[in-house]
Protein backbone atom coordinates (compact mmCIF):
# COMPACT_ATOMS: atom_id res chain seq x y z
CA UNK A 1 -25.33 -18.96 49.34
CA UNK A 2 -24.61 -16.29 46.35
CA UNK A 3 -23.27 -19.05 44.23
CA UNK A 4 -25.88 -21.42 44.84
CA UNK A 5 -28.52 -18.59 44.35
CA UNK A 6 -26.72 -17.81 40.74
CA UNK A 7 -27.09 -21.83 40.03
CA UNK A 8 -30.47 -21.62 41.16
CA UNK A 9 -31.64 -18.47 38.80
CA UNK A 10 -29.59 -19.60 35.55
CA UNK A 11 -31.58 -22.80 36.29
CA UNK A 12 -34.75 -21.14 36.06
CA UNK A 13 -33.88 -19.33 33.45
CA UNK A 14 -32.65 -22.10 31.28
CA UNK A 15 -35.18 -24.46 32.41
CA UNK A 16 -38.11 -22.32 30.62
CA UNK A 17 -35.75 -20.45 28.18
CA UNK A 18 -37.43 -22.02 23.62
CA UNK A 19 -55.29 -26.27 15.23
CA UNK A 20 -57.00 -29.50 16.53
CA UNK A 21 -59.99 -28.76 18.98
CA UNK A 22 -59.35 -26.34 21.59
CA UNK A 23 -59.91 -26.69 25.44
CA UNK A 24 -63.61 -26.45 24.68
CA UNK A 25 -64.00 -26.00 20.78
CA UNK A 26 -63.04 -23.51 18.88
CA UNK A 27 -65.14 -20.43 18.83
CA UNK A 28 -67.14 -21.98 21.85
CA UNK A 29 -68.89 -18.57 23.40
CA UNK A 30 -66.71 -16.38 21.44
CA UNK A 31 -66.86 -12.60 22.35
CA UNK A 32 -63.57 -11.64 22.34
CA UNK A 33 -61.78 -9.86 19.18
CA UNK A 34 -58.16 -9.82 20.78
CA UNK A 35 -56.40 -11.60 23.57
CA UNK A 36 -53.34 -9.96 25.33
CA UNK A 37 -51.27 -12.01 27.70
CA UNK A 38 -49.01 -10.83 30.55
CA UNK A 39 -46.70 -12.68 33.03
CA UNK A 40 -43.57 -15.13 33.04
CA UNK A 41 -42.72 -18.23 31.78
CA UNK A 42 -45.86 -19.90 32.64
CA UNK A 43 -47.15 -18.02 29.59
CA UNK A 44 -43.99 -16.65 27.28
CA UNK A 45 -44.94 -18.01 23.67
CA UNK A 46 -41.59 -16.79 22.62
CA UNK A 47 -40.19 -13.51 23.80
CA UNK A 48 -37.41 -15.07 25.29
CA UNK A 49 -35.96 -16.31 22.19
CA UNK A 50 -36.48 -13.21 20.09
CA UNK A 51 -33.70 -11.46 18.87
CA UNK A 52 -31.53 -13.66 20.24
CA UNK A 53 -28.36 -14.92 18.24
CA UNK A 54 -27.96 -18.64 17.33
CA UNK A 55 -25.23 -18.93 19.94
CA UNK A 56 -27.54 -17.43 22.56
CA UNK A 57 -30.28 -19.54 21.85
CA UNK A 58 -27.96 -22.88 22.21
CA UNK A 59 -27.51 -21.74 26.03
CA UNK A 60 -31.67 -21.55 26.19
CA UNK A 61 -32.63 -25.05 26.88
CA UNK A 62 -36.24 -24.18 26.24
CA UNK A 63 -35.10 -23.47 22.45
CA UNK A 64 -33.68 -27.28 22.41
CA UNK A 65 -35.43 -30.58 22.04
CA UNK A 66 -37.69 -32.08 23.64
CA UNK A 67 -39.07 -28.80 24.10
CA UNK A 68 -42.38 -28.74 22.00
CA UNK A 69 -42.48 -32.49 21.11
CA UNK A 70 -45.98 -33.16 21.84
CA UNK A 71 -47.88 -30.30 19.72
CA UNK A 72 -45.60 -28.42 17.60
CA UNK A 73 -43.04 -31.24 17.03
CA UNK A 74 -40.14 -28.63 17.75
CA UNK A 75 -39.04 -26.12 20.32
CA UNK A 76 -40.68 -22.67 20.08
CA UNK A 77 -39.48 -21.03 23.18
CA UNK A 78 -42.52 -22.19 25.41
CA UNK A 79 -41.84 -23.55 28.66
CA UNK A 80 -43.43 -27.03 28.01
CA UNK A 81 -43.97 -30.12 25.65
CA UNK A 82 -46.38 -28.40 23.72
CA UNK A 83 -48.89 -25.47 24.34
CA UNK A 84 -49.47 -23.50 27.49
CA UNK A 85 -52.39 -21.97 29.38
CA UNK A 86 -52.66 -18.94 26.99
CA UNK A 87 -52.41 -21.06 23.78
CA UNK A 88 -55.61 -22.90 24.67
CA UNK A 89 -57.61 -19.65 25.82
CA UNK A 90 -56.83 -18.44 22.64
CA UNK A 91 -57.91 -21.48 20.51
CA UNK A 92 -60.86 -21.86 23.14
CA UNK A 93 -61.87 -18.42 22.08
CA UNK A 94 -61.35 -18.88 18.39
CA UNK A 95 -58.09 -16.67 18.41
CA UNK A 96 -54.95 -17.38 16.60
CA UNK A 97 -51.95 -18.20 18.99
CA UNK A 98 -50.51 -15.35 20.41
CA UNK A 99 -47.42 -13.55 18.60
CA UNK A 100 -44.58 -12.74 21.29
CA UNK A 101 -44.97 -8.70 21.60
CA UNK A 102 -40.85 -8.16 21.00
CA UNK A 103 -41.69 -8.62 17.26
CA UNK A 104 -42.99 -5.47 17.41
CA UNK A 105 -41.13 -3.07 14.86
CA UNK A 106 -40.65 -5.75 12.44
CA UNK A 107 -42.05 -6.06 8.77
CA UNK A 108 -45.92 -6.47 8.69
CA UNK A 109 -46.05 -5.88 12.50
CA UNK A 110 -49.28 -3.91 11.97
CA UNK A 111 -51.12 -6.95 10.56
CA UNK A 112 -49.62 -9.35 13.23
CA UNK A 113 -51.09 -7.64 16.52
CA UNK A 114 -54.67 -7.25 14.98
CA UNK A 115 -55.92 -10.10 17.21
CA UNK A 116 -53.58 -9.33 20.40
CA UNK A 117 -50.00 -9.93 21.84
CA UNK A 118 -48.13 -11.70 24.16
CA UNK A 119 -45.98 -9.49 26.75
CA UNK A 120 -45.04 -12.31 29.05
CA UNK A 121 -41.33 -13.28 29.43
CA UNK A 122 -39.10 -15.98 31.16
CA UNK A 123 -37.91 -14.27 34.52
CA UNK A 124 -40.47 -11.34 34.73
CA UNK A 125 -40.97 -10.13 38.22
CA UNK A 126 -43.92 -7.89 39.65
CA UNK A 127 -41.40 -5.53 41.34
CA UNK A 128 -39.15 -3.32 39.31
CA UNK A 129 -35.54 -4.41 38.90
CA UNK A 130 -34.60 -1.12 40.80
CA UNK A 131 -36.37 -2.12 43.76
CA UNK A 132 -35.14 -5.46 43.43
CA UNK A 133 -31.55 -3.95 43.28
CA UNK A 134 -31.94 -1.72 46.19
CA UNK A 135 -32.72 -4.98 48.37
CA UNK A 136 -29.68 -6.93 47.13
CA UNK A 137 -31.46 -8.79 44.60
CA UNK A 138 -29.99 -7.09 41.44
CA UNK A 139 -29.10 -10.55 39.56
CA UNK A 140 -29.64 -9.60 35.84
CA UNK A 141 -32.02 -12.29 34.94
CA UNK A 142 -34.47 -9.97 37.11
CA UNK A 143 -34.32 -7.22 34.50
CA UNK A 144 -35.85 -9.51 31.74
CA UNK A 145 -39.04 -7.52 31.58
CA UNK A 146 -40.94 -6.75 34.84
CA UNK A 147 -44.43 -5.84 34.85
CA UNK A 148 -44.29 -2.43 34.11
CA UNK A 149 -42.14 -2.90 31.27
CA UNK A 150 -44.21 -5.28 30.03
CA UNK A 151 -47.37 -2.73 30.11
CA UNK A 152 -44.49 -0.62 28.19
CA UNK A 153 -44.34 -3.05 25.84
CA UNK A 154 -48.31 -3.11 25.54
CA UNK A 155 -48.22 0.66 25.07
CA UNK A 156 -45.87 0.70 22.16
CA UNK A 157 -47.59 -1.88 19.93
CA UNK A 158 -51.21 -0.24 20.84
CA UNK A 159 -50.88 1.70 17.10
CA UNK A 160 -50.62 -1.46 15.05
CA UNK A 161 -53.64 -2.89 17.59
CA UNK A 162 -55.96 0.33 17.28
CA UNK A 163 -54.67 1.40 13.64
CA UNK A 164 -52.73 4.16 12.54
CA UNK A 165 -54.35 7.71 13.55
CA UNK A 166 -56.00 5.68 16.39
CA UNK A 167 -53.94 6.79 19.47
CA UNK A 168 -53.65 4.74 22.87
CA UNK A 169 -56.39 6.18 25.42
CA UNK A 170 -58.66 7.67 22.40
CA UNK A 171 -62.02 6.53 21.97
CA UNK A 172 -61.43 3.84 18.95
CA UNK A 173 -58.49 1.93 21.28
CA UNK A 174 -60.59 2.04 24.23
CA UNK A 175 -63.38 0.76 22.12
CA UNK A 176 -61.13 -2.32 20.66
CA UNK A 177 -59.43 -2.90 23.96
CA UNK A 178 -62.96 -3.08 25.53
CA UNK A 179 -63.68 -6.22 23.29
CA UNK A 180 -60.38 -7.74 24.03
CA UNK A 181 -59.68 -10.31 26.85
CA UNK A 182 -56.26 -9.82 29.34
CA UNK A 183 -54.72 -12.20 31.01
CA UNK A 184 -52.68 -10.24 33.77
CA UNK A 185 -50.09 -12.66 35.31
CA UNK A 186 -49.35 -14.70 37.62
CA UNK A 187 -46.89 -12.07 38.52
CA UNK A 188 -44.86 -12.68 41.95
CA UNK A 189 -43.57 -15.91 41.37
CA UNK A 190 -39.79 -14.65 40.18
CA UNK A 191 -40.03 -12.14 43.17
CA UNK A 192 -40.07 -14.96 45.41
CA UNK A 193 -37.52 -17.11 43.56
CA UNK A 194 -35.06 -14.10 43.78
CA UNK A 195 -35.63 -13.57 47.59
CA UNK A 196 -35.38 -17.42 48.84
CA UNK A 197 -32.99 -18.94 46.63
CA UNK A 198 -30.58 -15.48 47.41
CA UNK A 199 -31.20 -16.59 51.43
CA UNK A 200 -34.37 -14.41 52.30
CA UNK A 201 -36.44 -16.53 55.14
CA UNK A 202 -39.98 -17.30 54.37
CA UNK A 203 -40.78 -14.29 57.03
CA UNK A 204 -38.79 -12.00 55.30
CA UNK A 205 -40.51 -12.79 51.64
CA UNK A 206 -43.59 -12.57 53.18
CA UNK A 207 -42.94 -9.05 54.33
CA UNK A 208 -42.69 -7.69 50.76
CA UNK A 209 -46.18 -9.71 49.74
CA UNK A 210 -48.15 -6.81 50.17
CA UNK A 211 -45.90 -4.46 48.33
CA UNK A 212 -45.93 -7.11 45.23
CA UNK A 213 -49.68 -7.27 45.54
CA UNK A 214 -49.87 -3.53 45.29
CA UNK A 215 -47.71 -3.39 42.56
CA UNK A 216 -50.00 -5.92 40.70
CA UNK A 217 -53.12 -4.13 41.28
CA UNK A 218 -51.40 -0.91 40.24
CA UNK A 219 -50.75 -2.83 36.63
CA UNK A 220 -54.33 -3.57 36.57
CA UNK A 221 -55.41 -0.04 36.97
CA UNK A 222 -53.09 1.17 34.01
CA UNK A 223 -54.75 -1.60 31.95
CA UNK A 224 -58.41 -0.03 33.09
CA UNK A 225 -57.11 3.44 32.09
CA UNK A 226 -56.11 2.38 28.55
CA UNK A 227 -59.57 0.72 27.93
CA UNK A 228 -59.38 -2.96 29.17
CA UNK A 229 -62.41 -3.93 30.37
CA UNK A 230 -62.45 -8.18 30.78
CA UNK A 231 -59.01 -8.99 33.01
CA UNK A 232 -58.30 -12.64 34.19
CA UNK A 233 -55.73 -12.18 37.23
CA UNK A 234 -54.13 -15.77 38.31
CA UNK A 235 -52.98 -16.29 41.47
CA UNK A 236 -49.87 -18.21 42.90
CA UNK A 237 -49.31 -21.67 42.73
CA UNK A 238 -48.70 -24.13 45.25
CA UNK A 239 -44.72 -23.81 44.87
CA UNK A 240 -43.90 -26.18 47.35
CA UNK A 241 -45.25 -29.23 45.37
CA UNK A 242 -42.39 -28.72 42.58
CA UNK A 243 -39.16 -30.42 41.94
CA UNK A 244 -37.11 -27.60 41.41
CA UNK A 245 -37.97 -26.38 45.00
CA UNK A 246 -37.99 -29.77 46.63
CA UNK A 247 -34.70 -29.94 45.45
CA UNK A 248 -33.13 -26.72 46.44
CA UNK A 249 -35.37 -25.55 49.20
CA UNK A 250 -35.75 -28.64 51.37
CA UNK A 251 -36.48 -28.56 55.30
CA UNK A 252 -34.82 -30.88 57.97
CA UNK A 253 -38.06 -30.64 59.80
CA UNK A 254 -40.43 -33.65 58.71
CA UNK A 255 -43.27 -31.57 59.88
CA UNK A 256 -42.89 -29.02 57.27
CA UNK A 257 -44.00 -31.56 54.43
CA UNK A 258 -47.61 -32.23 53.82
CA UNK A 259 -48.81 -35.69 53.15
CA UNK A 260 -48.42 -35.37 49.32
CA UNK A 261 -44.75 -34.56 50.20
CA UNK A 262 -45.15 -30.59 49.36
CA UNK A 263 -43.53 -28.05 51.55
CA UNK A 264 -46.13 -26.38 53.60
CA UNK A 265 -44.10 -22.97 54.17
CA UNK A 266 -43.53 -22.40 50.71
CA UNK A 267 -47.27 -23.25 49.89
CA UNK A 268 -48.26 -21.01 52.81
CA UNK A 269 -46.88 -18.02 51.04
CA UNK A 270 -48.31 -18.62 48.16
CA UNK A 271 -51.87 -18.78 50.04
CA UNK A 272 -50.83 -15.46 51.80
CA UNK A 273 -50.22 -14.13 48.63
CA UNK A 274 -53.29 -14.89 47.32
CA UNK A 275 -55.31 -14.05 50.00
CA UNK A 276 -54.15 -10.49 49.99
CA UNK A 277 -54.83 -10.42 45.95
CA UNK A 278 -57.93 -11.55 46.32
CA UNK A 279 -58.82 -8.71 48.65
CA UNK A 280 -57.31 -6.31 46.56
CA UNK A 281 -59.31 -7.44 43.30
CA UNK A 282 -62.72 -7.19 45.58
CA UNK A 283 -61.29 -3.37 46.22
CA UNK A 284 -60.84 -2.86 42.45
CA UNK A 285 -64.19 -4.19 41.35
CA UNK A 286 -66.08 -1.80 43.73
CA UNK A 287 -63.64 1.08 42.32
CA UNK A 288 -64.14 0.01 38.96
CA UNK A 289 -67.61 -1.36 38.36
CA UNK A 290 -67.59 -1.38 34.95
CA UNK A 291 -64.40 -3.51 34.87
CA UNK A 292 -64.99 -7.18 34.97
CA UNK A 293 -62.01 -8.55 36.91
CA UNK A 294 -61.94 -12.32 36.95
CA UNK A 295 -59.71 -14.00 39.86
CA UNK A 296 -58.02 -17.44 38.37
CA UNK A 297 -57.33 -19.90 41.16
CA UNK A 298 -54.30 -21.61 40.04
CA UNK A 299 -53.48 -22.86 43.53
CA UNK A 300 -56.63 -24.76 44.10
CA UNK A 301 -56.90 -26.40 40.47
CA UNK A 302 -53.07 -27.78 40.80
CA UNK A 303 -53.56 -28.55 44.54
CA UNK A 304 -56.46 -30.81 43.35
CA UNK A 305 -54.35 -32.52 40.68
CA UNK A 306 -51.35 -32.91 43.26
CA UNK A 307 -53.88 -34.69 45.65
CA UNK A 308 -56.17 -36.79 43.18
CA UNK A 309 -53.52 -37.67 39.92
CA UNK A 310 -54.85 -40.25 38.91
CA UNK A 311 -58.93 -38.82 38.96
CA UNK A 312 -57.59 -36.61 36.16
CA UNK A 313 -55.45 -39.41 34.41
CA UNK A 314 -52.36 -38.70 35.70
CA UNK A 315 -50.84 -41.90 36.56
CA UNK A 316 -47.12 -40.63 37.29
CA UNK A 317 -48.34 -38.01 40.01
CA UNK A 318 -47.67 -34.62 40.53
CA UNK A 319 -44.19 -34.21 41.29
CA UNK A 320 -42.04 -35.92 39.20
CA UNK A 321 -40.66 -34.44 35.92
CA UNK A 322 -41.50 -36.11 32.55
CA UNK A 323 -38.05 -34.41 31.14
CA UNK A 324 -35.11 -34.69 33.35
CA UNK A 325 -32.58 -36.94 34.81
CA UNK A 326 -31.91 -38.98 37.95
CA UNK A 327 -35.44 -40.86 38.30
CA UNK A 328 -36.72 -41.25 41.91
CA UNK A 329 -39.26 -39.08 43.34
CA UNK A 330 -38.45 -35.84 41.29
CA UNK A 331 -36.21 -36.76 38.25
CA UNK A 332 -34.48 -33.42 38.45
CA UNK A 333 -30.92 -32.72 38.59
CA UNK A 334 -29.36 -29.42 38.10
CA UNK A 335 -26.51 -30.43 35.92
CA UNK A 336 -29.20 -32.35 33.73
CA UNK A 337 -32.33 -30.43 33.05
CA UNK A 338 -34.50 -30.71 30.16
CA UNK A 339 -32.90 -29.68 27.24
CA UNK A 340 -29.55 -30.48 28.52
CA UNK A 341 -27.05 -33.77 27.77
CA UNK A 342 -27.91 -36.14 29.96
CA UNK A 343 -31.85 -35.55 30.14
CA UNK A 344 -34.63 -37.02 28.75
CA UNK A 345 -38.17 -36.96 28.16
CA UNK A 346 -40.70 -39.31 29.14
CA UNK A 347 -42.37 -41.31 26.41
CA UNK A 348 -45.82 -40.07 27.49
CA UNK A 349 -45.97 -36.56 28.59
CA UNK A 350 -49.79 -36.71 28.85
CA UNK A 351 -49.29 -38.93 32.01
CA UNK A 352 -47.33 -36.59 33.81
CA UNK A 353 -48.09 -33.16 35.74
CA UNK A 354 -44.67 -31.53 35.67
CA UNK A 355 -43.12 -31.21 32.42
CA UNK A 356 -39.28 -30.18 33.46
CA UNK A 357 -39.76 -30.01 37.04
CA UNK A 358 -40.85 -26.20 37.09
CA UNK A 359 -43.41 -26.33 34.35
CA UNK A 360 -46.68 -28.13 33.52
CA UNK A 361 -47.18 -30.42 30.99
CA UNK A 362 -49.69 -29.57 27.84
CA UNK A 363 -52.14 -31.98 29.38
CA UNK A 364 -52.01 -30.04 32.52
CA UNK A 365 -52.51 -26.36 30.86
CA UNK A 366 -55.37 -27.89 28.56
CA UNK A 367 -57.22 -28.50 32.10
CA UNK A 368 -56.30 -25.37 33.75
CA UNK A 369 -57.54 -22.89 30.58
CA UNK A 370 -60.73 -24.97 30.79
CA UNK A 371 -61.22 -24.50 34.05
CA UNK A 372 -60.80 -20.75 33.73
CA UNK A 373 -62.85 -20.61 30.50
CA UNK A 374 -66.26 -22.36 32.21
CA UNK A 375 -65.10 -23.22 35.70
CA UNK A 376 -64.68 -23.82 38.60
CA UNK A 377 -61.43 -22.47 39.09
CA UNK A 378 -62.00 -18.97 37.67
CA UNK A 379 -64.11 -16.15 39.31
CA UNK A 380 -66.26 -15.88 37.60
CA UNK A 381 -65.59 -18.09 34.45
CA UNK A 382 -64.69 -16.18 31.33
CA UNK A 383 -67.33 -17.71 29.36
CA UNK A 384 -69.97 -17.47 32.01
CA UNK A 385 -72.31 -14.07 32.15
């Protein structure tokens, strides 16, 4: 099982590891001066590739074509054919695309982060690496930038954002952060990947869910203490509908699959996490009434796409990967992943929901961002007051 788990972790890392009118028109309802993003491969706009050698980047499939083919025309170390949800949020708010926070310290950094920064990185977990290691999950990929590490990255670049002489926590810095939008997560997906791919049962993983949610809640409070007011907190995805999980965590029990071919036990784990998260957000709203905490319902939106793909314009359905190999229901093979020899991209990614069996196409990311900006998949919607 250890060898299989390592292969899966390598797959997850390498699967995701390289302006026209926005989701609703640039500047629509513009009210934020900056945007800050935290999370994993769903939101990484390049941190995974910063300070890597050319040889290292050759090992990252996300740094290879056809990643980036739709919008940028070349790989940008984003885990998609084009823009991510955070890119569409930025453009929808009239803000520039976010620079990776790991560029901090380079020439011109003070100007680079004046409109925000992206701390998200491939492989990020909610739980600290030391905790994962203590329960036998110490594979190095999970030491890539856990939630608390990302918050520390934010603290380190705040002088560039707030201005020299405006210390983090001071009134000037708090005022600027109060006029910014924060996207905090999703966190937890890679924690469960580490557990499930290394032999934990669903019940064992479920037992750690309260700890994961408590950790996320502590991160939200850290941001509030720094001065954040408007914070989007995305929930977990229906991962039981993703090709990588259907390939490597299959069930021999037909009743474990729903009518759409998704694994119900995996989706139930996400539902449980989302229930706990929403309960914690309700408590945090009561504790911090001045904060505007918005729950972004990834699960409900993606579930709608899975159930009615053609209604949203996705002729190829929810599960098969646009970029991959093998054809069939999944078009996903471990040794021929997107960006590797033997894999190829479909002609029209906009007809697919899944880009590489793990991440979404730009077309889906656009829909998700719009669902957060205007509803109905963010509570409350970002642009509704």
